PDB file of N, CA and C in Angstrom:
ATOM      1  N   MET A   1     -15.579  -2.131  22.165  1.00  0.00           N
ATOM      2  CA  MET A   1     -15.166  -1.346  20.849  1.00  0.00           C
ATOM      3  C   MET A   1     -13.729  -0.869  20.964  1.00  0.00           C
ATOM      4  N   ILE A   2     -13.378  -0.822  19.839  1.00  0.00           N
ATOM      5  CA  ILE A   2     -11.678  -0.435  19.736  1.00  0.00           C
ATOM      6  C   ILE A   2     -11.713   1.374  19.585  1.00  0.00           C
ATOM      7  N   PRO A   3     -10.971   1.573  20.587  1.00  0.00           N
ATOM      8  CA  PRO A   3     -10.861   3.263  20.567  1.00  0.00           C
ATOM      9  C   PRO A   3     -10.399   3.697  19.088  1.00  0.00           C
ATOM     10  N   VAL A   4     -10.757   5.158  18.683  1.00  0.00           N
ATOM     11  CA  VAL A   4     -10.434   5.426  17.574  1.00  0.00           C
ATOM     12  C   VAL A   4      -8.792   6.027  17.545  1.00  0.00           C
ATOM     13  N   GLU A   5      -8.334   6.264  18.884  1.00  0.00           N
ATOM     14  CA  GLU A   5      -7.084   6.574  18.952  1.00  0.00           C
ATOM     15  C   GLU A   5      -6.251   5.643  18.926  1.00  0.00           C
ATOM     16  N   LEU A   6      -6.409   4.207  18.984  1.00  0.00           N
ATOM     17  CA  LEU A   6      -5.828   3.206  18.561  1.00  0.00           C
ATOM     18  C   LEU A   6      -5.668   2.884  17.247  1.00  0.00           C
ATOM     19  N   CYS A   7      -6.780   3.060  16.468  1.00  0.00           N
ATOM     20  CA  CYS A   7      -6.957   2.895  15.016  1.00  0.00           C
ATOM     21  C   CYS A   7      -5.870   3.908  14.649  1.00  0.00           C
ATOM     22  N   PHE A   8      -5.711   5.222  14.879  1.00  0.00           N
ATOM     23  CA  PHE A   8      -4.562   6.111  14.444  1.00  0.00           C
ATOM     24  C   PHE A   8      -3.156   5.604  14.577  1.00  0.00           C
ATOM     25  N   VAL A   9      -3.058   5.177  15.783  1.00  0.00           N
ATOM     26  CA  VAL A   9      -1.707   4.705  16.319  1.00  0.00           C
ATOM     27  C   VAL A   9      -1.341   3.565  15.407  1.00  0.00           C
ATOM     28  N   VAL A  10      -2.258   2.557  15.088  1.00  0.00           N
ATOM     29  CA  VAL A  10      -1.940   1.349  14.099  1.00  0.00           C
ATOM     30  C   VAL A  10      -1.598   1.933  12.815  1.00  0.00           C
ATOM     31  N   SER A  11      -2.638   2.820  12.439  1.00  0.00           N
ATOM     32  CA  SER A  11      -2.279   3.472  10.900  1.00  0.00           C
ATOM     33  C   SER A  11      -1.039   4.070  10.812  1.00  0.00           C
ATOM     34  N   ALA A  12      -0.532   4.949  11.757  1.00  0.00           N
ATOM     35  CA  ALA A  12       0.576   5.548  11.857  1.00  0.00           C
ATOM     36  C   ALA A  12       1.816   4.526  11.660  1.00  0.00           C
ATOM     37  N   LEU A  13       1.883   3.412  12.477  1.00  0.00           N
ATOM     38  CA  LEU A  13       2.739   2.571  12.416  1.00  0.00           C
ATOM     39  C   LEU A  13       2.899   1.696  11.169  1.00  0.00           C
ATOM     40  N   LEU A  14       1.626   1.381  10.511  1.00  0.00           N
ATOM     41  CA  LEU A  14       1.690   0.933   9.314  1.00  0.00           C
ATOM     42  C   LEU A  14       2.272   1.855   8.295  1.00  0.00           C
ATOM     43  N   PHE A  15       2.000   3.007   8.425  1.00  0.00           N
ATOM     44  CA  PHE A  15       2.370   3.937   7.437  1.00  0.00           C
ATOM     45  C   PHE A  15       4.096   4.008   7.350  1.00  0.00           C
ATOM     46  N   VAL A  16       4.552   3.980   8.706  1.00  0.00           N
ATOM     47  CA  VAL A  16       5.995   4.536   8.940  1.00  0.00           C
ATOM     48  C   VAL A  16       6.722   2.961   8.523  1.00  0.00           C
ATOM     49  N   ILE A  17       6.319   1.766   8.502  1.00  0.00           N
ATOM     50  CA  ILE A  17       6.772   0.683   8.366  1.00  0.00           C
ATOM     51  C   ILE A  17       6.806   0.607   6.704  1.00  0.00           C
ATOM     52  N   GLY A  18       5.608   0.906   6.132  1.00  0.00           N
ATOM     53  CA  GLY A  18       5.677   0.823   4.823  1.00  0.00           C
ATOM     54  C   GLY A  18       6.620   1.781   4.205  1.00  0.00           C
ATOM     55  N   PHE A  19       6.657   2.933   4.706  1.00  0.00           N
ATOM     56  CA  PHE A  19       7.251   4.011   3.904  1.00  0.00           C
ATOM     57  C   PHE A  19       9.158   3.799   4.311  1.00  0.00           C
ATOM     58  N   PHE A  20       9.365   3.063   5.301  1.00  0.00           N
ATOM     59  CA  PHE A  20      10.757   2.693   5.729  1.00  0.00           C
ATOM     60  C   PHE A  20      11.274   1.558   4.830  1.00  0.00           C
ATOM     61  N   GLY A  21      10.190   0.598   4.684  1.00  0.00           N
ATOM     62  CA  GLY A  21      10.403  -0.483   3.729  1.00  0.00           C
ATOM     63  C   GLY A  21      10.790  -0.151   2.184  1.00  0.00           C
ATOM     64  N   PHE A  22      10.070   0.714   1.710  1.00  0.00           N
ATOM     65  CA  PHE A  22       9.929   1.306   0.662  1.00  0.00           C
ATOM     66  C   PHE A  22      11.372   2.182   0.211  1.00  0.00           C
ATOM     67  N   VAL A  23      11.549   2.929   1.080  1.00  0.00           N
ATOM     68  CA  VAL A  23      12.827   3.527   0.954  1.00  0.00           C
ATOM     69  C   VAL A  23      14.061   2.837   1.251  1.00  0.00           C
ATOM     70  N   THR A  24      14.260   1.849   2.011  1.00  0.00           N
ATOM     71  CA  THR A  24      15.382   1.022   2.187  1.00  0.00           C
ATOM     72  C   THR A  24      15.386  -0.406   1.295  1.00  0.00           C
ATOM     73  N   ARG A  25      14.505  -0.667   0.684  1.00  0.00           N
ATOM     74  CA  ARG A  25      14.484  -2.123   0.138  1.00  0.00           C
ATOM     75  C   ARG A  25      14.865  -1.670  -1.528  1.00  0.00           C
ATOM     76  N   ARG A  26      15.449  -2.550  -2.151  1.00  0.00           N
ATOM     77  CA  ARG A  26      15.614  -2.519  -3.471  1.00  0.00           C
ATOM     78  C   ARG A  26      15.189  -3.678  -4.198  1.00  0.00           C
ATOM     79  N   ASN A  27      14.454  -4.642  -3.766  1.00  0.00           N
ATOM     80  CA  ASN A  27      13.708  -5.779  -4.381  1.00  0.00           C
ATOM     81  C   ASN A  27      12.227  -4.990  -4.901  1.00  0.00           C
ATOM     82  N   LEU A  28      11.922  -5.352  -5.960  1.00  0.00           N
ATOM     83  CA  LEU A  28      10.457  -4.934  -6.267  1.00  0.00           C
ATOM     84  C   LEU A  28       9.524  -5.391  -5.621  1.00  0.00           C
ATOM     85  N   ILE A  29       9.660  -6.459  -5.288  1.00  0.00           N
ATOM     86  CA  ILE A  29       8.418  -7.160  -4.546  1.00  0.00           C
ATOM     87  C   ILE A  29       8.458  -6.739  -3.303  1.00  0.00           C
ATOM     88  N   ALA A  30       9.585  -6.513  -2.505  1.00  0.00           N
ATOM     89  CA  ALA A  30       9.538  -5.915  -1.343  1.00  0.00           C
ATOM     90  C   ALA A  30       9.052  -4.470  -1.321  1.00  0.00           C
ATOM     91  N   MET A  31       9.143  -3.947  -2.434  1.00  0.00           N
ATOM     92  CA  MET A  31       8.782  -2.516  -2.437  1.00  0.00           C
ATOM     93  C   MET A  31       7.240  -2.650  -2.598  1.00  0.00           C
ATOM     94  N   LEU A  32       6.843  -3.272  -3.353  1.00  0.00           N
ATOM     95  CA  LEU A  32       5.139  -3.471  -3.629  1.00  0.00           C
ATOM     96  C   LEU A  32       4.474  -3.763  -2.367  1.00  0.00           C
ATOM     97  N   ILE A  33       5.115  -4.571  -1.619  1.00  0.00           N
ATOM     98  CA  ILE A  33       4.593  -4.990  -0.134  1.00  0.00           C
ATOM     99  C   ILE A  33       4.494  -3.709   0.561  1.00  0.00           C
ATOM    100  N   SER A  34       5.531  -2.835   0.514  1.00  0.00           N
ATOM    101  CA  SER A  34       5.576  -1.925   1.322  1.00  0.00           C
ATOM    102  C   SER A  34       4.748  -0.854   0.863  1.00  0.00           C
ATOM    103  N   ILE A  35       4.336  -0.841  -0.260  1.00  0.00           N
ATOM    104  CA  ILE A  35       3.320   0.208  -0.997  1.00  0.00           C
ATOM    105  C   ILE A  35       1.823  -0.341  -0.346  1.00  0.00           C
ATOM    106  N   GLU A  36       1.795  -1.498  -0.496  1.00  0.00           N
ATOM    107  CA  GLU A  36       0.373  -2.221   0.182  1.00  0.00           C
ATOM    108  C   GLU A  36       0.350  -1.794   1.838  1.00  0.00           C
ATOM    109  N   PHE A  37       1.305  -1.852   2.415  1.00  0.00           N
ATOM    110  CA  PHE A  37       1.270  -1.311   3.792  1.00  0.00           C
ATOM    111  C   PHE A  37       0.781   0.195   3.984  1.00  0.00           C
ATOM    112  N   ILE A  38       1.295   1.095   3.137  1.00  0.00           N
ATOM    113  CA  ILE A  38       0.924   2.492   2.914  1.00  0.00           C
ATOM    114  C   ILE A  38      -0.577   2.463   2.790  1.00  0.00           C
ATOM    115  N   LEU A  39      -1.101   1.554   1.855  1.00  0.00           N
ATOM    116  CA  LEU A  39      -2.216   1.733   1.272  1.00  0.00           C
ATOM    117  C   LEU A  39      -3.196   1.373   2.458  1.00  0.00           C
ATOM    118  N   ASN A  40      -2.699   0.209   3.006  1.00  0.00           N
ATOM    119  CA  ASN A  40      -3.756  -0.158   4.342  1.00  0.00           C
ATOM    120  C   ASN A  40      -3.831   0.550   5.223  1.00  0.00           C
ATOM    121  N   ALA A  41      -2.735   1.514   5.466  1.00  0.00           N
ATOM    122  CA  ALA A  41      -2.939   2.598   6.636  1.00  0.00           C
ATOM    123  C   ALA A  41      -3.791   3.694   6.272  1.00  0.00           C
ATOM    124  N   VAL A  42      -3.812   3.927   4.977  1.00  0.00           N
ATOM    125  CA  VAL A  42      -5.184   4.630   4.327  1.00  0.00           C
ATOM    126  C   VAL A  42      -6.454   4.089   4.519  1.00  0.00           C
ATOM    127  N   ASP A  43      -6.702   2.920   4.373  1.00  0.00           N
ATOM    128  CA  ASP A  43      -7.900   2.259   4.472  1.00  0.00           C
ATOM    129  C   ASP A  43      -8.194   2.522   5.968  1.00  0.00           C
ATOM    130  N   ILE A  44      -7.431   2.133   6.962  1.00  0.00           N
ATOM    131  CA  ILE A  44      -7.586   2.358   8.389  1.00  0.00           C
ATOM    132  C   ILE A  44      -8.056   3.684   8.751  1.00  0.00           C
ATOM    133  N   ASN A  45      -7.380   4.626   8.192  1.00  0.00           N
ATOM    134  CA  ASN A  45      -7.678   6.016   8.577  1.00  0.00           C
ATOM    135  C   ASN A  45      -9.058   6.460   7.896  1.00  0.00           C
ATOM    136  N   PHE A  46      -9.456   6.102   6.668  1.00  0.00           N
ATOM    137  CA  PHE A  46     -10.934   6.218   6.197  1.00  0.00           C
ATOM    138  C   PHE A  46     -11.722   5.837   7.265  1.00  0.00           C
ATOM    139  N   ALA A  47     -11.436   4.493   7.782  1.00  0.00           N
ATOM    140  CA  ALA A  47     -12.676   3.928   8.574  1.00  0.00           C
ATOM    141  C   ALA A  47     -12.610   4.726  10.024  1.00  0.00           C
ATOM    142  N   ALA A  48     -11.481   5.095  10.607  1.00  0.00           N
ATOM    143  CA  ALA A  48     -11.270   5.699  11.878  1.00  0.00           C
ATOM    144  C   ALA A  48     -11.916   7.064  11.978  1.00  0.00           C
ATOM    145  N   PHE A  49     -11.536   7.866  10.690  1.00  0.00           N
ATOM    146  CA  PHE A  49     -12.200   9.164  10.673  1.00  0.00           C
ATOM    147  C   PHE A  49     -13.733   9.291  10.275  1.00  0.00           C
ATOM    148  N   ASN A  50     -14.026   8.229   9.627  1.00  0.00           N
ATOM    149  CA  ASN A  50     -15.634   7.915   9.366  1.00  0.00           C
ATOM    150  C   ASN A  50     -16.095   7.774  10.917  1.00  0.00           C
ATOM    151  N   LYS A  51     -15.544   7.046  11.790  1.00  0.00           N
ATOM    152  CA  LYS A  51     -16.299   6.748  12.939  1.00  0.00           C
ATOM    153  C   LYS A  51     -16.039   7.827  14.015  1.00  0.00           C
ATOM    154  N   LEU A  52     -15.182   8.651  13.652  1.00  0.00           N
ATOM    155  CA  LEU A  52     -14.806   9.816  14.563  1.00  0.00           C
ATOM    156  C   LEU A  52     -15.974  10.842  13.969  1.00  0.00           C
ATOM    157  N   LEU A  53     -15.782  11.284  13.020  1.00  0.00           N
ATOM    158  CA  LEU A  53     -16.603  12.346  12.300  1.00  0.00           C
ATOM    159  C   LEU A  53     -18.085  12.187  12.247  1.00  0.00           C
ATOM    160  N   TYR A  54     -18.266  11.122  11.838  1.00  0.00           N
ATOM    161  CA  TYR A  54     -19.684  10.665  11.258  1.00  0.00           C
ATOM    162  C   TYR A  54     -20.080   9.318  11.760  1.00  0.00           C
ATOM    163  N   PRO A  55     -20.472   9.276  12.825  1.00  0.00           N
ATOM    164  CA  PRO A  55     -20.576   7.774  13.518  1.00  0.00           C
ATOM    165  C   PRO A  55     -21.757   6.947  12.942  1.00  0.00           C
ATOM    166  N   GLN A  56     -22.643   7.497  12.542  1.00  0.00           N
ATOM    167  CA  GLN A  56     -23.700   7.143  11.780  1.00  0.00           C
ATOM    168  C   GLN A  56     -23.710   6.956  10.450  1.00  0.00           C
ATOM    169  N   GLY A  57     -22.430   7.621   9.600  1.00  0.00           N
ATOM    170  CA  GLY A  57     -22.548   7.551   8.322  1.00  0.00           C
ATOM    171  C   GLY A  57     -21.588   6.252   7.991  1.00  0.00           C
ATOM    172  N   THR A  58     -21.541   6.014   6.590  1.00  0.00           N
ATOM    173  CA  THR A  58     -20.688   4.875   6.095  1.00  0.00           C
ATOM    174  C   THR A  58     -19.916   5.448   4.789  1.00  0.00           C
ATOM    175  N   GLU A  59     -19.683   6.685   4.825  1.00  0.00           N
ATOM    176  CA  GLU A  59     -18.842   7.291   3.596  1.00  0.00           C
ATOM    177  C   GLU A  59     -17.482   6.820   3.775  1.00  0.00           C
ATOM    178  N   GLY A  60     -16.833   6.698   4.885  1.00  0.00           N
ATOM    179  CA  GLY A  60     -15.546   6.082   5.038  1.00  0.00           C
ATOM    180  C   GLY A  60     -15.092   4.891   4.660  1.00  0.00           C
ATOM    181  N   LEU A  61     -16.311   4.166   5.009  1.00  0.00           N
ATOM    182  CA  LEU A  61     -16.452   2.484   4.624  1.00  0.00           C
ATOM    183  C   LEU A  61     -16.253   2.291   3.233  1.00  0.00           C
ATOM    184  N   PHE A  62     -17.073   2.979   2.566  1.00  0.00           N
ATOM    185  CA  PHE A  62     -17.125   2.964   1.037  1.00  0.00           C
ATOM    186  C   PHE A  62     -15.763   3.146   0.355  1.00  0.00           C
ATOM    187  N   PHE A  63     -15.136   4.496   0.852  1.00  0.00           N
ATOM    188  CA  PHE A  63     -14.036   4.803   0.500  1.00  0.00           C
ATOM    189  C   PHE A  63     -12.904   3.740   0.798  1.00  0.00           C
ATOM    190  N   ALA A  64     -12.818   3.379   1.795  1.00  0.00           N
ATOM    191  CA  ALA A  64     -11.987   1.929   2.165  1.00  0.00           C
ATOM    192  C   ALA A  64     -12.219   0.992   1.055  1.00  0.00           C
ATOM    193  N   VAL A  65     -13.417   0.666   0.940  1.00  0.00           N
ATOM    194  CA  VAL A  65     -13.603  -0.452   0.167  1.00  0.00           C
ATOM    195  C   VAL A  65     -13.271  -0.347  -1.411  1.00  0.00           C
ATOM    196  N   PHE A  66     -13.622   1.085  -1.992  1.00  0.00           N
ATOM    197  CA  PHE A  66     -13.224   1.476  -3.084  1.00  0.00           C
ATOM    198  C   PHE A  66     -11.514   1.343  -3.168  1.00  0.00           C
ATOM    199  N   GLU A  67     -10.776   1.759  -2.465  1.00  0.00           N
ATOM    200  CA  GLU A  67      -9.655   1.853  -2.243  1.00  0.00           C
ATOM    201  C   GLU A  67      -8.887   0.523  -2.299  1.00  0.00           C
ATOM    202  N   ILE A  68      -9.638  -0.463  -1.588  1.00  0.00           N
ATOM    203  CA  ILE A  68      -9.253  -1.754  -1.521  1.00  0.00           C
ATOM    204  C   ILE A  68      -9.153  -2.364  -2.929  1.00  0.00           C
ATOM    205  N   GLY A  69     -10.180  -2.090  -3.656  1.00  0.00           N
ATOM    206  CA  GLY A  69     -10.230  -2.633  -5.081  1.00  0.00           C
ATOM    207  C   GLY A  69      -9.215  -1.982  -6.170  1.00  0.00           C
ATOM    208  N   VAL A  70      -8.942  -0.572  -5.869  1.00  0.00           N
ATOM    209  CA  VAL A  70      -8.146  -0.017  -6.620  1.00  0.00           C
ATOM    210  C   VAL A  70      -6.561  -0.637  -6.226  1.00  0.00           C
ATOM    211  N   SER A  71      -6.346  -0.897  -4.921  1.00  0.00           N
ATOM    212  CA  SER A  71      -4.885  -1.350  -4.405  1.00  0.00           C
ATOM    213  C   SER A  71      -4.796  -2.998  -5.271  1.00  0.00           C
ATOM    214  N   ALA A  72      -5.996  -3.602  -5.234  1.00  0.00           N
ATOM    215  CA  ALA A  72      -5.977  -5.050  -5.891  1.00  0.00           C
ATOM    216  C   ALA A  72      -5.521  -4.841  -7.252  1.00  0.00           C
ATOM    217  N   ALA A  73      -6.245  -3.882  -8.189  1.00  0.00           N
ATOM    218  CA  ALA A  73      -6.020  -3.566  -9.603  1.00  0.00           C
ATOM    219  C   ALA A  73      -4.286  -3.155  -9.525  1.00  0.00           C
ATOM    220  N   GLU A  74      -3.860  -2.313  -8.749  1.00  0.00           N
ATOM    221  CA  GLU A  74      -2.562  -1.812  -8.650  1.00  0.00           C
ATOM    222  C   GLU A  74      -1.621  -2.849  -8.585  1.00  0.00           C
ATOM    223  N   THR A  75      -2.102  -3.675  -7.402  1.00  0.00           N
ATOM    224  CA  THR A  75      -1.078  -5.088  -7.297  1.00  0.00           C
ATOM    225  C   THR A  75      -0.885  -5.950  -8.460  1.00  0.00           C
ATOM    226  N   ALA A  76      -2.055  -6.152  -9.236  1.00  0.00           N
ATOM    227  CA  ALA A  76      -2.226  -7.279 -10.390  1.00  0.00           C
ATOM    228  C   ALA A  76      -1.282  -6.538 -11.435  1.00  0.00           C
ATOM    229  N   VAL A  77      -1.264  -5.104 -11.599  1.00  0.00           N
ATOM    230  CA  VAL A  77      -0.742  -4.451 -12.720  1.00  0.00           C
ATOM    231  C   VAL A  77       1.012  -4.552 -12.395  1.00  0.00           C
ATOM    232  N   ALA A  78       1.347  -4.077 -11.176  1.00  0.00           N
ATOM    233  CA  ALA A  78       2.542  -4.264 -10.596  1.00  0.00           C
ATOM    234  C   ALA A  78       3.121  -5.493 -10.692  1.00  0.00           C
ATOM    235  N   ILE A  79       2.409  -6.533 -10.598  1.00  0.00           N
ATOM    236  CA  ILE A  79       3.134  -7.938 -10.522  1.00  0.00           C
ATOM    237  C   ILE A  79       3.451  -8.256 -11.892  1.00  0.00           C
ATOM    238  N   ALA A  80       2.259  -7.964 -12.877  1.00  0.00           N
ATOM    239  CA  ALA A  80       2.773  -8.308 -14.169  1.00  0.00           C
ATOM    240  C   ALA A  80       4.203  -7.445 -14.794  1.00  0.00           C
ATOM    241  N   ILE A  81       4.196  -6.453 -14.253  1.00  0.00           N
ATOM    242  CA  ILE A  81       5.318  -5.412 -14.613  1.00  0.00           C
ATOM    243  C   ILE A  81       6.835  -6.201 -14.179  1.00  0.00           C
ATOM    244  N   ILE A  82       6.388  -6.592 -12.937  1.00  0.00           N
ATOM    245  CA  ILE A  82       7.656  -7.377 -12.124  1.00  0.00           C
ATOM    246  C   ILE A  82       7.898  -8.755 -12.886  1.00  0.00           C
ATOM    247  N   MET A  83       6.935  -9.307 -13.100  1.00  0.00           N
ATOM    248  CA  MET A  83       7.387 -10.514 -13.902  1.00  0.00           C
ATOM    249  C   MET A  83       8.078 -10.414 -15.212  1.00  0.00           C
ATOM    250  N   ASN A  84       7.553  -9.368 -15.993  1.00  0.00           N
ATOM    251  CA  ASN A  84       7.995  -8.890 -17.147  1.00  0.00           C
ATOM    252  C   ASN A  84       9.800  -8.679 -16.976  1.00  0.00           C
ATOM    253  N   VAL A  85       9.870  -7.811 -15.922  1.00  0.00           N
ATOM    254  CA  VAL A  85      11.167  -7.240 -15.896  1.00  0.00           C
ATOM    255  C   VAL A  85      12.183  -8.524 -15.520  1.00  0.00           C
ATOM    256  N   TYR A  86      11.467  -9.608 -14.589  1.00  0.00           N
ATOM    257  CA  TYR A  86      12.019 -10.617 -14.259  1.00  0.00           C
ATOM    258  C   TYR A  86      12.554 -11.549 -15.442  1.00  0.00           C
ATOM    259  N   HIS A  87      11.448 -11.720 -16.524  1.00  0.00           N
ATOM    260  CA  HIS A  87      11.689 -12.320 -17.649  1.00  0.00           C
ATOM    261  C   HIS A  87      12.902 -11.693 -18.490  1.00  0.00           C
ATOM    262  N   HIS A  88      12.947 -10.655 -18.360  1.00  0.00           N
ATOM    263  CA  HIS A  88      14.254  -9.764 -19.369  1.00  0.00           C
ATOM    264  C   HIS A  88      15.413  -9.789 -18.656  1.00  0.00           C
ATOM    265  N   PHE A  89      15.615  -9.620 -17.331  1.00  0.00           N
ATOM    266  CA  PHE A  89      16.690  -9.353 -16.601  1.00  0.00           C
ATOM    267  C   PHE A  89      17.107 -10.574 -15.825  1.00  0.00           C
ATOM    268  N   LYS A  90      16.232 -11.533 -15.619  1.00  0.00           N
ATOM    269  CA  LYS A  90      16.526 -12.505 -14.531  1.00  0.00           C
ATOM    270  C   LYS A  90      16.910 -12.159 -12.921  1.00  0.00           C
ATOM    271  N   ASN A  91      16.386 -10.980 -12.680  1.00  0.00           N
ATOM    272  CA  ASN A  91      16.670  -9.990 -11.411  1.00  0.00           C
ATOM    273  C   ASN A  91      15.444  -9.349 -11.227  1.00  0.00           C
ATOM    274  N   THR A  92      14.946  -9.119  -9.879  1.00  0.00           N
ATOM    275  CA  THR A  92      14.143  -8.224  -9.387  1.00  0.00           C
ATOM    276  C   THR A  92      14.705  -6.966  -8.550  1.00  0.00           C
ATOM    277  N   ASP A  93      15.953  -6.773  -8.934  1.00  0.00           N
ATOM    278  CA  ASP A  93      16.566  -5.550  -8.376  1.00  0.00           C
ATOM    279  C   ASP A  93      16.272  -4.176  -8.987  1.00  0.00           C
ATOM    280  N   ALA A  94      16.057  -3.378  -8.057  1.00  0.00           N
ATOM    281  CA  ALA A  94      15.094  -1.824  -8.618  1.00  0.00           C
ATOM    282  C   ALA A  94      16.179  -1.331  -9.444  1.00  0.00           C
ATOM    283  N   LYS A  95      17.581  -1.597  -9.391  1.00  0.00           N
ATOM    284  CA  LYS A  95      18.710  -0.791 -10.052  1.00  0.00           C
ATOM    285  C   LYS A  95      18.628  -1.357 -11.519  1.00  0.00           C
ATOM    286  N   GLN A  96      18.230  -2.418 -11.861  1.00  0.00           N
ATOM    287  CA  GLN A  96      17.928  -3.025 -13.100  1.00  0.00           C
ATOM    288  C   GLN A  96      17.233  -2.375 -14.109  1.00  0.00           C
ATOM    289  N   ILE A  97      16.129  -1.500 -13.528  1.00  0.00           N
ATOM    290  CA  ILE A  97      15.207  -1.049 -14.515  1.00  0.00           C
ATOM    291  C   ILE A  97      15.823   0.020 -14.802  1.00  0.00           C
ATOM    292  N   GLU A  98      16.714   0.921 -14.402  1.00  0.00           N
ATOM    293  CA  GLU A  98      17.248   1.976 -14.942  1.00  0.00           C
ATOM    294  C   GLU A  98      17.976   1.534 -16.077  1.00  0.00           C
ATOM    295  N   ASN A  99      18.402   0.309 -16.511  1.00  0.00           N
ATOM    296  CA  ASN A  99      18.859   0.157 -17.741  1.00  0.00           C
ATOM    297  C   ASN A  99      17.931  -0.231 -18.746  1.00  0.00           C
ATOM    298  N   MET A 100      16.718  -0.357 -18.457  1.00  0.00           N
ATOM    299  CA  MET A 100      15.879  -0.684 -19.625  1.00  0.00           C
ATOM    300  C   MET A 100      15.511   0.224 -20.623  1.00  0.00           C
ATOM    301  N   LYS A 101      15.876   1.541 -20.416  1.00  0.00           N
ATOM    302  CA  LYS A 101      15.697   2.713 -21.308  1.00  0.00           C
ATOM    303  C   LYS A 101      16.965   2.810 -22.339  1.00  0.00           C
ATOM    304  N   TYR A 102      18.004   1.795 -22.173  1.00  0.00           N
ATOM    305  CA  TYR A 102      19.245   1.921 -23.123  1.00  0.00           C
ATOM    306  C   TYR A 102      19.192   0.457 -23.746  1.00  0.00           C
TER     307      TYR A 102
END
């Protein structure tokens, strides 16, 4: 069995990598991948806290599965928006989105 503490360490590492990637990248696809890292860290935390607090329960696992579905829908919408931005500007740089309102 994997210790719960190791799950928390992996989750914290994924969260830090995702946050750092989101803050430092300007490419929309890289930013989306960074958000997915953060959401995967949340999924690991749901499962780890479920195992730690309620070893016989499955509520945390259901929350994780629900969040995976929400994450998939969010990714589909984000990729559609990024494709539309690329079609209009021929670039996926985040600075280009600021010019869309003009």
